[in-house]
Amino acid sequence: QVQLAESGGGLVQAGGSRRVSCTVSGGTFSTYAMGWFRQAPGKEREFVASIFWSRGITFYVDSVKGRFTISRDKTKNTLYLQMNNLKPEDTAVYYCAARRLTATEYEYWGQGTQVTVSS
């Protein structure tokens, strides 16, 4: 059973940086894509970034391009989201997710970690 666990959330000032992490287990991830999503209060969950675990190809939503970087450490089975130049509108619960490359939707989700950006 694939399991994901986020960590690293917290309070940060606008303009600051934060890195959230997601440890993954229970699968052979060379055939997976991993993603970060976020959900702000009163809003729907939205896609932030994704990466093909094996080849490292990345995708970002336009609002975070140039500020956020998704990466993975295969040796540690850990997914990262480095967030720089944070803005109050980045405040949300951040979730990591995983899907097989053959799947059309993300199949496995973590419990989420709160990131709050103060102005």
Protein backbone atom coordinates (compact mmCIF):
# COMPACT_ATOMS: atom_id res chain seq x y z
CA GLN A 1 0.00 0.00 0.00
CA VAL A 2 1.44 3.34 -1.08
CA GLN A 3 1.73 5.79 1.78
CA LEU A 4 2.70 9.45 1.75
CA ALA A 5 3.48 11.69 4.69
CA GLU A 6 4.09 15.44 4.44
CA SER A 7 6.12 17.54 6.81
CA GLY A 8 7.71 20.96 6.97
CA GLY A 9 4.73 23.27 7.06
CA GLY A 10 4.59 26.30 9.30
CA LEU A 11 4.38 30.05 9.50
CA VAL A 12 6.56 32.19 7.25
CA GLN A 13 6.64 35.88 6.42
CA ALA A 14 5.84 37.15 2.96
CA GLY A 15 8.94 37.10 0.80
CA GLY A 16 10.38 34.22 2.77
CA SER A 17 11.06 30.60 1.88
CA ARG A 18 9.89 27.22 3.07
CA ARG A 19 10.53 23.65 2.01
CA VAL A 20 7.92 20.99 2.51
CA SER A 21 8.75 17.32 2.24
CA CYS A 22 6.84 14.13 1.54
CA THR A 23 8.16 10.69 2.37
CA VAL A 24 6.79 7.95 0.17
CA SER A 25 6.69 4.23 0.78
CA GLY A 26 4.98 1.03 -0.28
CA GLY A 27 5.59 1.10 -4.01
CA THR A 28 8.02 0.99 -6.89
CA PHE A 29 7.96 4.62 -7.85
CA SER A 30 9.90 4.48 -11.10
CA THR A 31 6.52 4.16 -12.82
CA TYR A 32 4.84 6.95 -10.87
CA ALA A 33 4.27 10.65 -11.11
CA MET A 34 4.25 12.68 -7.91
CA GLY A 35 2.49 15.93 -7.36
CA TRP A 36 1.92 18.75 -4.93
CA PHE A 37 -1.54 20.23 -4.52
CA ARG A 38 -2.86 22.89 -2.18
CA GLN A 39 -6.18 23.93 -0.75
CA ALA A 40 -6.81 27.35 0.71
CA PRO A 41 -9.76 28.04 3.05
CA GLY A 42 -12.99 28.24 1.11
CA LYS A 43 -11.35 27.23 -2.16
CA GLU A 44 -11.05 24.07 -4.16
CA ARG A 45 -7.89 22.05 -4.12
CA GLU A 46 -5.56 23.07 -6.93
CA PHE A 47 -2.59 21.57 -8.69
CA VAL A 48 0.77 23.17 -7.86
CA ALA A 49 3.51 21.04 -9.40
CA SER A 50 4.36 17.51 -10.48
CA ILE A 51 7.37 15.41 -11.36
CA PHE A 52 7.94 12.11 -13.10
CA TRP A 53 9.76 10.14 -10.45
CA SER A 54 12.08 8.34 -12.83
CA ARG A 55 12.96 10.99 -15.40
CA GLY A 56 12.55 14.09 -13.26
CA ILE A 57 10.39 15.99 -15.77
CA THR A 58 8.51 18.75 -13.97
CA PHE A 59 5.33 20.76 -14.45
CA TYR A 60 4.07 23.85 -12.61
CA VAL A 61 0.96 25.94 -12.36
CA ASP A 62 1.64 29.41 -13.76
CA SER A 63 1.19 31.16 -10.42
CA VAL A 64 4.23 29.45 -8.88
CA LYS A 65 6.59 29.28 -11.86
CA GLY A 66 9.92 30.84 -11.00
CA ARG A 67 9.18 30.70 -7.25
CA PHE A 68 8.58 27.02 -6.46
CA THR A 69 10.72 24.02 -7.32
CA ILE A 70 9.62 20.40 -7.11
CA SER A 71 12.28 17.74 -6.74
CA ARG A 72 12.80 14.22 -5.46
CA ASP A 73 15.55 12.25 -3.78
CA LYS A 74 15.30 8.70 -4.97
CA THR A 75 17.72 7.43 -2.32
CA LYS A 76 15.54 8.81 0.46
CA ASN A 77 12.18 8.19 -1.24
CA THR A 78 11.33 11.80 -0.53
CA LEU A 79 9.55 14.43 -2.56
CA TYR A 80 10.21 18.12 -1.95
CA LEU A 81 8.62 21.44 -2.75
CA GLN A 82 10.94 24.39 -2.29
CA MET A 83 8.91 27.57 -2.05
CA ASN A 84 10.62 30.95 -2.41
CA ASN A 85 9.30 34.49 -2.43
CA LEU A 86 6.16 33.33 -0.68
CA LYS A 87 3.02 35.43 -0.86
CA PRO A 88 0.00 35.53 1.45
CA GLU A 89 -2.05 33.93 -1.32
CA ASP A 90 0.19 30.85 -1.06
CA THR A 91 -1.37 30.14 2.34
CA ALA A 92 -2.95 26.70 2.15
CA VAL A 93 -2.78 23.10 3.21
CA TYR A 94 -0.24 21.44 0.94
CA TYR A 95 -0.78 17.83 -0.07
CA CYS A 96 1.51 15.43 -1.87
CA ALA A 97 -0.01 12.83 -4.14
CA ALA A 98 1.05 9.91 -6.29
CA ARG A 99 -0.32 8.19 -9.34
CA ARG A 100 0.82 5.45 -11.62
CA LEU A 101 1.79 6.75 -15.04
CA THR A 102 -1.08 4.73 -16.50
CA ALA A 103 -3.63 6.41 -14.24
CA THR A 104 -5.48 9.58 -15.22
CA GLU A 105 -5.98 10.82 -11.69
CA TYR A 106 -3.90 10.87 -8.54
CA GLU A 107 -4.54 7.73 -6.53
CA TYR A 108 -2.75 8.23 -3.25
CA TRP A 109 -2.69 11.26 -0.97
CA GLY A 110 -0.92 12.43 2.13
CA GLN A 111 -2.63 14.04 5.08
CA GLY A 112 -1.45 17.55 4.25
CA THR A 113 0.72 20.15 5.93
CA GLN A 114 -0.31 23.74 6.64
CA VAL A 115 1.72 26.61 5.23
CA THR A 116 0.74 30.07 6.40
CA VAL A 117 2.28 33.17 4.87
CA SER A 118 1.87 36.36 6.89
CA SER A 119 1.89 39.78 5.29
